[in-house]
Amino acid sequence: MPGRSNKQQALFQYVLIVRKEKPGNIDYISLLLCFTCWIFFVFFGVLTHRTGSAFFWLSFFIPVALFRNWWIKRKRNPYITYKHPLLVTGIVWLFVPGMRWIFILFVLFVLFDHQARQHLEIGVSDDQVVINTFFRKRFQWNELSNVVLKDNLLTLDFKNNKILQREIDPHLSEADEEDFNEFCAEQVLMNEKFEI
């Protein structure tokens, strides 16, 4: 399976890759966040008469970093992320008295930005179903009443009447629907027998 490590093969009988949305929304949010912070820094510097401070002049690295990203994205690499402008913005927050804690938020934004751009994987083993999000979600088979893959749509039907559906990328996931559904039906049935 493409992109599947030996460790994943040992842990999971099936690894399904969720269809990825285009990262445009993530880019717009990062761009808007950085630009809004820069406008705040400029107004804050002018209103507090700190236009000669290092904080004020450092804030101008934000539009420079944004322009650099835009240029590289347009000319050479359309997949470049906004992690550098986010980090620069976070560093400038370190110079705002009483607001230094916001730097930690920007470090988290960088981590979430990275995670949001990764393909979401769903590992299915005879023990559990694992969704590889930032905080991994693990579901034991005894929590599930049905797991079905049909027309590239994975449905997890829970015993508490909750349903989780994800569209699977057929080009990255090499799972035969019939084999997969048979495997999942066996796991659900086996766990129902243990509960009786």
N, C-alpha and C. Protein backbone atom coordinates (compact mmCIF):
# COMPACT_ATOMS: atom_id res chain seq x y z
N MET A 1 0.84 -1.18 0.00
CA MET A 1 0.00 0.00 0.00
C MET A 1 0.88 1.23 0.00
N PRO A 2 0.61 2.25 -0.84
CA PRO A 2 1.44 3.42 -0.91
C PRO A 2 1.47 4.16 0.40
N GLY A 3 2.67 4.55 0.82
CA GLY A 3 2.83 5.35 2.01
C GLY A 3 2.65 4.59 3.31
N ARG A 4 2.52 3.31 3.22
CA ARG A 4 2.27 2.51 4.42
C ARG A 4 3.57 1.96 4.94
N SER A 5 3.90 2.22 6.19
CA SER A 5 5.16 1.75 6.77
C SER A 5 5.03 0.29 7.21
N ASN A 6 6.19 -0.34 7.45
CA ASN A 6 6.18 -1.73 7.95
C ASN A 6 5.50 -1.83 9.30
N LYS A 7 5.67 -0.78 10.12
CA LYS A 7 5.05 -0.77 11.45
C LYS A 7 3.53 -0.79 11.32
N GLN A 8 2.98 0.02 10.37
CA GLN A 8 1.54 0.04 10.16
C GLN A 8 1.05 -1.32 9.67
N GLN A 9 1.83 -1.94 8.78
CA GLN A 9 1.43 -3.24 8.26
C GLN A 9 1.35 -4.28 9.38
N ALA A 10 2.25 -4.16 10.35
CA ALA A 10 2.26 -5.11 11.46
C ALA A 10 1.09 -4.87 12.41
N LEU A 11 0.67 -3.59 12.56
CA LEU A 11 -0.37 -3.26 13.52
C LEU A 11 -1.79 -3.40 12.97
N PHE A 12 -1.96 -3.11 11.68
CA PHE A 12 -3.30 -3.04 11.10
C PHE A 12 -3.43 -3.95 9.89
N GLN A 13 -4.56 -4.61 9.81
CA GLN A 13 -4.85 -5.41 8.62
C GLN A 13 -5.20 -4.50 7.44
N TYR A 14 -5.84 -3.36 7.74
CA TYR A 14 -6.22 -2.39 6.71
C TYR A 14 -5.87 -0.99 7.18
N VAL A 15 -5.33 -0.18 6.27
CA VAL A 15 -5.13 1.24 6.52
C VAL A 15 -5.82 1.98 5.38
N LEU A 16 -6.83 2.74 5.75
CA LEU A 16 -7.61 3.51 4.77
C LEU A 16 -7.21 4.97 4.87
N ILE A 17 -7.06 5.62 3.72
CA ILE A 17 -6.68 7.03 3.67
C ILE A 17 -7.92 7.84 3.32
N VAL A 18 -8.23 8.81 4.18
CA VAL A 18 -9.40 9.66 3.98
C VAL A 18 -9.11 10.68 2.88
N ARG A 19 -10.11 10.89 2.01
CA ARG A 19 -9.97 11.88 0.93
C ARG A 19 -9.70 13.25 1.54
N LYS A 20 -8.71 13.92 1.02
CA LYS A 20 -8.25 15.19 1.57
C LYS A 20 -8.92 16.35 0.84
N GLU A 21 -9.41 17.29 1.63
CA GLU A 21 -9.93 18.52 1.04
C GLU A 21 -8.74 19.39 0.66
N LYS A 22 -8.95 20.32 -0.22
CA LYS A 22 -7.86 21.22 -0.61
C LYS A 22 -7.49 22.10 0.58
N PRO A 23 -6.17 22.36 0.77
CA PRO A 23 -5.74 23.12 1.95
C PRO A 23 -5.95 24.63 1.83
N GLY A 24 -6.71 25.08 0.83
CA GLY A 24 -6.92 26.51 0.62
C GLY A 24 -7.50 27.21 1.83
N ASN A 25 -8.48 26.59 2.50
CA ASN A 25 -9.08 27.21 3.68
C ASN A 25 -8.07 27.39 4.80
N ILE A 26 -7.19 26.41 4.98
CA ILE A 26 -6.15 26.51 6.01
C ILE A 26 -5.24 27.68 5.69
N ASP A 27 -4.88 27.83 4.42
CA ASP A 27 -4.02 28.94 4.00
C ASP A 27 -4.67 30.28 4.28
N TYR A 28 -5.96 30.40 3.94
CA TYR A 28 -6.67 31.66 4.15
C TYR A 28 -6.75 32.02 5.63
N ILE A 29 -7.01 31.03 6.46
CA ILE A 29 -7.10 31.28 7.90
C ILE A 29 -5.74 31.73 8.43
N SER A 30 -4.67 31.04 8.04
CA SER A 30 -3.32 31.42 8.49
C SER A 30 -2.96 32.82 8.01
N LEU A 31 -3.25 33.10 6.75
CA LEU A 31 -2.97 34.42 6.18
C LEU A 31 -3.74 35.51 6.92
N LEU A 32 -5.02 35.29 7.14
CA LEU A 32 -5.86 36.26 7.82
C LEU A 32 -5.40 36.48 9.27
N LEU A 33 -5.04 35.41 9.94
CA LEU A 33 -4.58 35.49 11.31
C LEU A 33 -3.30 36.32 11.42
N CYS A 34 -2.34 36.03 10.55
CA CYS A 34 -1.06 36.76 10.58
C CYS A 34 -1.26 38.23 10.22
N PHE A 35 -2.05 38.48 9.19
CA PHE A 35 -2.26 39.86 8.72
C PHE A 35 -3.00 40.68 9.77
N THR A 36 -4.03 40.08 10.40
CA THR A 36 -4.78 40.77 11.45
C THR A 36 -3.87 41.12 12.63
N CYS A 37 -3.03 40.19 13.02
CA CYS A 37 -2.09 40.45 14.12
C CYS A 37 -1.13 41.58 13.75
N TRP A 38 -0.66 41.59 12.50
CA TRP A 38 0.26 42.66 12.08
C TRP A 38 -0.41 44.02 12.15
N ILE A 39 -1.68 44.11 11.70
CA ILE A 39 -2.42 45.37 11.79
C ILE A 39 -2.54 45.79 13.26
N PHE A 40 -2.83 44.83 14.13
CA PHE A 40 -2.92 45.13 15.56
C PHE A 40 -1.59 45.66 16.08
N PHE A 41 -0.47 45.01 15.71
CA PHE A 41 0.85 45.44 16.18
C PHE A 41 1.15 46.87 15.73
N VAL A 42 0.82 47.20 14.49
CA VAL A 42 1.08 48.55 13.99
C VAL A 42 0.25 49.57 14.77
N PHE A 43 -1.05 49.29 14.94
CA PHE A 43 -1.90 50.23 15.69
C PHE A 43 -1.46 50.33 17.15
N PHE A 44 -1.10 49.20 17.73
CA PHE A 44 -0.64 49.19 19.13
C PHE A 44 0.63 50.02 19.27
N GLY A 45 1.56 49.86 18.32
CA GLY A 45 2.80 50.65 18.35
C GLY A 45 2.55 52.14 18.20
N VAL A 46 1.63 52.51 17.32
CA VAL A 46 1.31 53.93 17.11
C VAL A 46 0.59 54.50 18.32
N LEU A 47 -0.41 53.78 18.83
CA LEU A 47 -1.20 54.28 19.96
C LEU A 47 -0.39 54.39 21.25
N THR A 48 0.57 53.50 21.44
CA THR A 48 1.38 53.53 22.67
C THR A 48 2.70 54.26 22.47
N HIS A 49 2.84 54.91 21.31
CA HIS A 49 4.05 55.68 20.99
C HIS A 49 5.30 54.82 21.07
N ARG A 50 5.18 53.59 20.57
CA ARG A 50 6.33 52.67 20.57
C ARG A 50 6.81 52.40 19.14
N THR A 51 6.67 53.38 18.26
CA THR A 51 7.04 53.17 16.86
C THR A 51 8.55 53.05 16.67
N GLY A 52 9.31 53.41 17.65
CA GLY A 52 10.77 53.26 17.54
C GLY A 52 11.28 52.00 18.22
N SER A 53 10.37 51.19 18.78
CA SER A 53 10.79 50.01 19.53
C SER A 53 11.09 48.83 18.61
N ALA A 54 11.80 47.86 19.16
CA ALA A 54 12.12 46.64 18.41
C ALA A 54 10.85 45.89 18.07
N PHE A 55 9.89 45.91 19.00
CA PHE A 55 8.60 45.24 18.76
C PHE A 55 7.94 45.76 17.49
N PHE A 56 7.89 47.09 17.34
CA PHE A 56 7.22 47.69 16.18
C PHE A 56 7.90 47.29 14.89
N TRP A 57 9.23 47.36 14.86
CA TRP A 57 9.95 47.05 13.63
C TRP A 57 10.00 45.56 13.34
N LEU A 58 10.02 44.74 14.39
CA LEU A 58 9.96 43.29 14.18
C LEU A 58 8.64 42.86 13.55
N SER A 59 7.58 43.59 13.87
CA SER A 59 6.27 43.22 13.33
C SER A 59 6.25 43.31 11.80
N PHE A 60 7.14 44.08 11.21
CA PHE A 60 7.16 44.20 9.75
C PHE A 60 7.75 42.96 9.07
N PHE A 61 8.30 42.05 9.87
CA PHE A 61 8.73 40.78 9.29
C PHE A 61 7.51 39.91 8.92
N ILE A 62 6.36 40.19 9.52
CA ILE A 62 5.15 39.41 9.22
C ILE A 62 4.73 39.59 7.76
N PRO A 63 4.52 40.84 7.28
CA PRO A 63 4.15 40.95 5.86
C PRO A 63 5.25 40.47 4.92
N VAL A 64 6.52 40.61 5.36
CA VAL A 64 7.63 40.10 4.54
C VAL A 64 7.52 38.58 4.42
N ALA A 65 7.27 37.90 5.55
CA ALA A 65 7.14 36.44 5.54
C ALA A 65 5.91 36.01 4.73
N LEU A 66 4.81 36.77 4.84
CA LEU A 66 3.61 36.45 4.07
C LEU A 66 3.86 36.61 2.58
N PHE A 67 4.54 37.71 2.19
CA PHE A 67 4.84 37.93 0.78
C PHE A 67 5.78 36.85 0.26
N ARG A 68 6.78 36.46 1.07
CA ARG A 68 7.71 35.40 0.67
C ARG A 68 6.95 34.10 0.41
N ASN A 69 6.04 33.75 1.32
CA ASN A 69 5.24 32.53 1.13
C ASN A 69 4.39 32.61 -0.13
N TRP A 70 3.75 33.75 -0.32
CA TRP A 70 2.90 33.92 -1.50
C TRP A 70 3.73 33.77 -2.77
N TRP A 71 4.92 34.37 -2.78
CA TRP A 71 5.79 34.33 -3.96
C TRP A 71 6.24 32.89 -4.26
N ILE A 72 6.69 32.19 -3.23
CA ILE A 72 7.16 30.81 -3.41
C ILE A 72 5.99 29.92 -3.84
N LYS A 73 4.82 30.13 -3.23
CA LYS A 73 3.64 29.33 -3.56
C LYS A 73 3.24 29.55 -5.02
N ARG A 74 3.37 30.76 -5.48
CA ARG A 74 2.97 31.10 -6.84
C ARG A 74 3.98 30.64 -7.88
N LYS A 75 5.27 30.76 -7.56
CA LYS A 75 6.31 30.52 -8.56
C LYS A 75 6.92 29.12 -8.52
N ARG A 76 7.10 28.56 -7.31
CA ARG A 76 7.88 27.32 -7.23
C ARG A 76 7.18 26.15 -6.56
N ASN A 77 6.50 26.42 -5.44
CA ASN A 77 5.99 25.31 -4.64
C ASN A 77 4.57 25.61 -4.16
N PRO A 78 3.55 25.11 -4.84
CA PRO A 78 2.17 25.41 -4.42
C PRO A 78 1.79 24.74 -3.10
N TYR A 79 2.64 23.86 -2.58
CA TYR A 79 2.31 23.13 -1.34
C TYR A 79 2.97 23.72 -0.10
N ILE A 80 3.64 24.86 -0.24
CA ILE A 80 4.30 25.47 0.92
C ILE A 80 3.25 25.88 1.95
N THR A 81 3.58 25.75 3.21
CA THR A 81 2.63 26.08 4.28
C THR A 81 2.95 27.46 4.84
N TYR A 82 2.10 27.91 5.73
CA TYR A 82 2.28 29.23 6.36
C TYR A 82 2.87 29.11 7.76
N LYS A 83 3.65 28.06 8.00
CA LYS A 83 4.20 27.88 9.34
C LYS A 83 5.22 28.95 9.70
N HIS A 84 6.00 29.42 8.73
CA HIS A 84 6.99 30.46 9.04
C HIS A 84 6.34 31.79 9.39
N PRO A 85 5.36 32.28 8.60
CA PRO A 85 4.68 33.51 9.04
C PRO A 85 3.98 33.35 10.39
N LEU A 86 3.41 32.17 10.65
CA LEU A 86 2.77 31.95 11.95
C LEU A 86 3.79 32.03 13.09
N LEU A 87 4.96 31.44 12.88
CA LEU A 87 6.00 31.50 13.91
C LEU A 87 6.52 32.92 14.10
N VAL A 88 6.71 33.65 13.01
CA VAL A 88 7.16 35.04 13.12
C VAL A 88 6.13 35.86 13.90
N THR A 89 4.85 35.66 13.60
CA THR A 89 3.79 36.36 14.32
C THR A 89 3.82 36.01 15.80
N GLY A 90 4.01 34.73 16.10
CA GLY A 90 4.10 34.30 17.50
C GLY A 90 5.27 34.94 18.22
N ILE A 91 6.41 35.04 17.55
CA ILE A 91 7.60 35.65 18.16
C ILE A 91 7.35 37.13 18.46
N VAL A 92 6.66 37.82 17.56
CA VAL A 92 6.37 39.25 17.82
C VAL A 92 5.48 39.39 19.05
N TRP A 93 4.57 38.43 19.26
CA TRP A 93 3.72 38.49 20.47
C TRP A 93 4.56 38.44 21.75
N LEU A 94 5.75 37.87 21.69
CA LEU A 94 6.61 37.82 22.87
C LEU A 94 7.04 39.21 23.34
N PHE A 95 6.94 40.20 22.46
CA PHE A 95 7.35 41.56 22.79
C PHE A 95 6.20 42.44 23.25
N VAL A 96 4.99 41.88 23.31
CA VAL A 96 3.83 42.64 23.77
C VAL A 96 3.64 42.36 25.26
N PRO A 97 3.79 43.38 26.11
CA PRO A 97 3.68 43.16 27.56
C PRO A 97 2.32 42.57 27.95
N GLY A 98 2.37 41.54 28.77
CA GLY A 98 1.16 40.89 29.26
C GLY A 98 0.50 39.94 28.26
N MET A 99 1.05 39.85 27.05
CA MET A 99 0.43 39.01 26.02
C MET A 99 1.39 37.94 25.51
N ARG A 100 2.44 37.67 26.23
CA ARG A 100 3.46 36.72 25.77
C ARG A 100 2.92 35.30 25.63
N TRP A 101 1.90 34.99 26.39
CA TRP A 101 1.31 33.64 26.34
C TRP A 101 0.72 33.33 24.96
N ILE A 102 0.42 34.35 24.18
CA ILE A 102 -0.16 34.11 22.84
C ILE A 102 0.85 33.39 21.94
N PHE A 103 2.14 33.53 22.25
CA PHE A 103 3.17 32.81 21.49
C PHE A 103 2.87 31.31 21.49
N ILE A 104 2.44 30.78 22.64
CA ILE A 104 2.14 29.35 22.75
C ILE A 104 0.99 28.97 21.81
N LEU A 105 0.00 29.86 21.70
CA LEU A 105 -1.11 29.61 20.78
C LEU A 105 -0.61 29.49 19.34
N PHE A 106 0.34 30.35 18.97
CA PHE A 106 0.84 30.31 17.60
C PHE A 106 1.68 29.05 17.34
N VAL A 107 2.37 28.57 18.35
CA VAL A 107 3.07 27.30 18.20
C VAL A 107 2.05 26.19 17.98
N LEU A 108 0.93 26.24 18.71
CA LEU A 108 -0.15 25.25 18.50
C LEU A 108 -0.77 25.39 17.11
N PHE A 109 -0.92 26.63 16.63
CA PHE A 109 -1.44 26.84 15.27
C PHE A 109 -0.55 26.16 14.25
N VAL A 110 0.77 26.27 14.44
CA VAL A 110 1.71 25.64 13.51
C VAL A 110 1.53 24.12 13.55
N LEU A 111 1.39 23.55 14.75
CA LEU A 111 1.21 22.10 14.87
C LEU A 111 -0.11 21.65 14.24
N PHE A 112 -1.19 22.40 14.49
CA PHE A 112 -2.49 22.05 13.91
C PHE A 112 -2.48 22.22 12.40
N ASP A 113 -1.78 23.26 11.92
CA ASP A 113 -1.66 23.48 10.48
C ASP A 113 -0.98 22.28 9.83
N HIS A 114 0.09 21.81 10.48
CA HIS A 114 0.82 20.65 9.95
C HIS A 114 -0.08 19.41 9.94
N GLN A 115 -0.78 19.19 11.04
CA GLN A 115 -1.64 18.01 11.15
C GLN A 115 -2.79 18.07 10.14
N ALA A 116 -3.34 19.26 9.93
CA ALA A 116 -4.48 19.40 9.02
C ALA A 116 -4.09 19.11 7.58
N ARG A 117 -2.81 19.24 7.26
CA ARG A 117 -2.35 19.00 5.88
C ARG A 117 -1.96 17.54 5.65
N GLN A 118 -1.86 16.76 6.71
CA GLN A 118 -1.51 15.36 6.57
C GLN A 118 -2.74 14.55 6.17
N HIS A 119 -2.50 13.47 5.45
CA HIS A 119 -3.61 12.59 5.13
C HIS A 119 -4.08 11.90 6.40
N LEU A 120 -5.37 11.90 6.59
CA LEU A 120 -5.96 11.24 7.74
C LEU A 120 -6.04 9.75 7.44
N GLU A 121 -5.48 8.95 8.34
CA GLU A 121 -5.46 7.50 8.15
C GLU A 121 -6.39 6.83 9.16
N ILE A 122 -7.04 5.79 8.70
CA ILE A 122 -7.88 4.99 9.60
C ILE A 122 -7.33 3.57 9.55
N GLY A 123 -6.80 3.13 10.68
CA GLY A 123 -6.24 1.79 10.79
C GLY A 123 -7.27 0.83 11.37
N VAL A 124 -7.42 -0.31 10.73
CA VAL A 124 -8.40 -1.31 11.19
C VAL A 124 -7.64 -2.60 11.47
N SER A 125 -7.72 -3.03 12.73
CA SER A 125 -7.08 -4.29 13.11
C SER A 125 -8.11 -5.19 13.76
N ASP A 126 -7.68 -6.37 14.18
CA ASP A 126 -8.64 -7.27 14.83
C ASP A 126 -8.92 -6.85 16.27
N ASP A 127 -8.18 -5.84 16.78
CA ASP A 127 -8.42 -5.33 18.13
C ASP A 127 -9.27 -4.08 18.17
N GLN A 128 -9.03 -3.17 17.18
CA GLN A 128 -9.65 -1.85 17.26
C GLN A 128 -9.62 -1.13 15.92
N VAL A 129 -10.31 0.01 15.89
CA VAL A 129 -10.27 0.93 14.76
C VAL A 129 -9.66 2.22 15.29
N VAL A 130 -8.60 2.70 14.63
CA VAL A 130 -7.88 3.88 15.09
C VAL A 130 -7.92 4.95 14.00
N ILE A 131 -8.34 6.16 14.39
CA ILE A 131 -8.32 7.29 13.47
C ILE A 131 -7.16 8.17 13.89
N ASN A 132 -6.24 8.39 12.96
CA ASN A 132 -4.98 9.07 13.26
C ASN A 132 -5.13 10.59 13.17
N THR A 133 -5.90 11.18 14.08
CA THR A 133 -6.03 12.63 14.18
C THR A 133 -4.95 13.15 15.10
N PHE A 134 -4.96 14.46 15.39
CA PHE A 134 -3.95 15.05 16.28
C PHE A 134 -3.96 14.34 17.62
N PHE A 135 -5.15 14.11 18.15
CA PHE A 135 -5.32 13.26 19.33
C PHE A 135 -6.00 11.99 18.81
N ARG A 136 -5.27 10.90 18.77
CA ARG A 136 -5.79 9.66 18.16
C ARG A 136 -7.08 9.21 18.80
N LYS A 137 -7.99 8.78 17.94
CA LYS A 137 -9.26 8.23 18.41
C LYS A 137 -9.19 6.72 18.23
N ARG A 138 -9.45 6.00 19.32
CA ARG A 138 -9.42 4.54 19.29
C ARG A 138 -10.80 4.01 19.65
N PHE A 139 -11.28 3.10 18.82
CA PHE A 139 -12.59 2.50 19.06
C PHE A 139 -12.42 0.99 19.11
N GLN A 140 -12.84 0.40 20.21
CA GLN A 140 -12.81 -1.06 20.34
C GLN A 140 -13.99 -1.63 19.56
N TRP A 141 -13.84 -2.87 19.13
CA TRP A 141 -14.91 -3.50 18.34
C TRP A 141 -16.20 -3.65 19.15
N ASN A 142 -16.08 -3.76 20.47
CA ASN A 142 -17.30 -3.91 21.28
C ASN A 142 -18.11 -2.62 21.36
N GLU A 143 -17.56 -1.49 20.87
CA GLU A 143 -18.30 -0.23 20.80
C GLU A 143 -19.08 -0.10 19.49
N LEU A 144 -18.76 -0.95 18.52
CA LEU A 144 -19.32 -0.83 17.17
C LEU A 144 -20.36 -1.89 16.88
N SER A 145 -21.43 -1.48 16.19
CA SER A 145 -22.44 -2.46 15.77
C SER A 145 -22.28 -2.82 14.30
N ASN A 146 -21.58 -1.96 13.53
CA ASN A 146 -21.37 -2.25 12.12
C ASN A 146 -20.27 -1.33 11.58
N VAL A 147 -19.45 -1.86 10.69
CA VAL A 147 -18.43 -1.09 9.97
C VAL A 147 -18.52 -1.53 8.51
N VAL A 148 -18.79 -0.55 7.63
CA VAL A 148 -19.01 -0.88 6.22
C VAL A 148 -18.26 0.11 5.33
N LEU A 149 -17.64 -0.44 4.28
CA LEU A 149 -17.04 0.38 3.23
C LEU A 149 -17.85 0.15 1.97
N LYS A 150 -18.51 1.21 1.48
CA LYS A 150 -19.36 1.09 0.29
C LYS A 150 -19.17 2.32 -0.58
N ASP A 151 -18.76 2.09 -1.83
CA ASP A 151 -18.54 3.19 -2.79
C ASP A 151 -17.61 4.26 -2.22
N ASN A 152 -16.51 3.80 -1.61
CA ASN A 152 -15.48 4.67 -1.02
C ASN A 152 -15.97 5.50 0.16
N LEU A 153 -17.05 5.10 0.78
CA LEU A 153 -17.56 5.77 1.97
C LEU A 153 -17.50 4.78 3.13
N LEU A 154 -16.67 5.11 4.12
CA LEU A 154 -16.53 4.27 5.31
C LEU A 154 -17.53 4.74 6.35
N THR A 155 -18.33 3.80 6.86
CA THR A 155 -19.33 4.12 7.88
C THR A 155 -19.03 3.30 9.13
N LEU A 156 -18.86 4.00 10.25
CA LEU A 156 -18.72 3.35 11.55
C LEU A 156 -20.03 3.59 12.30
N ASP A 157 -20.73 2.53 12.56
CA ASP A 157 -22.02 2.59 13.25
C ASP A 157 -21.80 2.10 14.69
N PHE A 158 -21.98 3.00 15.64
CA PHE A 158 -21.72 2.68 17.04
C PHE A 158 -22.97 2.16 17.73
N LYS A 159 -22.77 1.42 18.80
CA LYS A 159 -23.88 0.86 19.56
C LYS A 159 -24.69 1.93 20.28
N ASN A 160 -24.09 3.11 20.50
CA ASN A 160 -24.80 4.20 21.16
C ASN A 160 -25.55 5.08 20.14
N ASN A 161 -25.78 4.53 18.93
CA ASN A 161 -26.51 5.19 17.83
C ASN A 161 -25.75 6.35 17.19
N LYS A 162 -24.50 6.50 17.49
CA LYS A 162 -23.67 7.51 16.83
C LYS A 162 -23.15 6.90 15.52
N ILE A 163 -23.05 7.72 14.48
CA ILE A 163 -22.53 7.27 13.19
C ILE A 163 -21.40 8.20 12.77
N LEU A 164 -20.32 7.61 12.29
CA LEU A 164 -19.18 8.38 11.79
C LEU A 164 -18.92 7.94 10.36
N GLN A 165 -18.88 8.90 9.44
CA GLN A 165 -18.64 8.57 8.04
C GLN A 165 -17.47 9.40 7.51
N ARG A 166 -16.63 8.73 6.71
CA ARG A 166 -15.50 9.40 6.07
C ARG A 166 -15.38 8.89 4.64
N GLU A 167 -15.12 9.82 3.72
CA GLU A 167 -14.91 9.43 2.32
C GLU A 167 -13.46 9.01 2.15
N ILE A 168 -13.26 7.83 1.61
CA ILE A 168 -11.94 7.23 1.46
C ILE A 168 -11.39 7.55 0.07
N ASP A 169 -10.09 7.85 0.02
CA ASP A 169 -9.42 8.10 -1.26
C ASP A 169 -9.08 6.75 -1.89
N PRO A 170 -9.73 6.38 -2.99
CA PRO A 170 -9.50 5.05 -3.57
C PRO A 170 -8.10 4.89 -4.18
N HIS A 171 -7.47 6.00 -4.53
CA HIS A 171 -6.14 5.93 -5.14
C HIS A 171 -5.05 5.65 -4.11
N LEU A 172 -5.30 6.01 -2.84
CA LEU A 172 -4.31 5.80 -1.79
C LEU A 172 -4.64 4.62 -0.89
N SER A 173 -5.88 4.17 -0.92
CA SER A 173 -6.30 3.05 -0.07
C SER A 173 -6.55 1.83 -0.94
N GLU A 174 -5.79 0.79 -0.69
CA GLU A 174 -5.96 -0.44 -1.46
C GLU A 174 -6.69 -1.49 -0.63
N ALA A 175 -7.97 -1.24 -0.43
CA ALA A 175 -8.77 -2.20 0.33
C ALA A 175 -9.91 -2.68 -0.54
N ASP A 176 -9.99 -3.98 -0.72
CA ASP A 176 -11.09 -4.55 -1.46
C ASP A 176 -12.33 -4.48 -0.57
N GLU A 177 -13.38 -3.84 -1.09
CA GLU A 177 -14.59 -3.63 -0.28
C GLU A 177 -15.14 -4.92 0.30
N GLU A 178 -15.23 -5.95 -0.52
CA GLU A 178 -15.82 -7.21 -0.07
C GLU A 178 -14.99 -7.83 1.05
N ASP A 179 -13.65 -7.89 0.87
CA ASP A 179 -12.78 -8.46 1.91
C ASP A 179 -12.84 -7.63 3.19
N PHE A 180 -12.79 -6.31 3.01
CA PHE A 180 -12.82 -5.41 4.17
C PHE A 180 -14.12 -5.58 4.96
N ASN A 181 -15.24 -5.57 4.27
CA ASN A 181 -16.54 -5.69 4.94
C ASN A 181 -16.69 -7.06 5.62
N GLU A 182 -16.17 -8.09 4.99
CA GLU A 182 -16.21 -9.42 5.59
C GLU A 182 -15.37 -9.46 6.86
N PHE A 183 -14.18 -8.86 6.82
CA PHE A 183 -13.30 -8.80 7.99
C PHE A 183 -13.99 -8.06 9.13
N CYS A 184 -14.58 -6.89 8.82
CA CYS A 184 -15.23 -6.08 9.86
C CYS A 184 -16.44 -6.80 10.44
N ALA A 185 -17.22 -7.47 9.59
CA ALA A 185 -18.39 -8.21 10.07
C ALA A 185 -17.97 -9.32 11.03
N GLU A 186 -16.85 -9.98 10.73
CA GLU A 186 -16.32 -11.03 11.61
C GLU A 186 -15.94 -10.46 12.97
N GLN A 187 -15.28 -9.27 12.96
CA GLN A 187 -14.85 -8.67 14.23
C GLN A 187 -16.05 -8.26 15.08
N VAL A 188 -17.06 -7.67 14.45
CA VAL A 188 -18.27 -7.26 15.17
C VAL A 188 -18.97 -8.48 15.74
N LEU A 189 -19.12 -9.53 14.93
CA LEU A 189 -19.79 -10.75 15.37
C LEU A 189 -19.04 -11.43 16.52
N MET A 190 -17.70 -11.49 16.40
CA MET A 190 -16.89 -12.11 17.43
C MET A 190 -17.03 -11.37 18.77
N ASN A 191 -17.07 -10.04 18.73
CA ASN A 191 -17.21 -9.27 19.96
C ASN A 191 -18.61 -9.36 20.54
N GLU A 192 -19.61 -9.54 19.71
CA GLU A 192 -20.96 -9.76 20.22
C GLU A 192 -21.06 -11.08 20.96
N LYS A 193 -20.36 -12.10 20.47
CA LYS A 193 -20.36 -13.41 21.14
C LYS A 193 -19.70 -13.33 22.51
N PHE A 194 -18.61 -12.52 22.60
CA PHE A 194 -17.91 -12.39 23.88
C PHE A 194 -18.77 -11.65 24.91
N GLU A 195 -19.67 -10.78 24.45
CA GLU A 195 -20.50 -10.00 25.37
C GLU A 195 -21.64 -10.83 25.92
N ILE A 196 -22.03 -11.86 25.19
CA ILE A 196 -23.17 -12.69 25.64
C ILE A 196 -22.78 -13.54 26.83
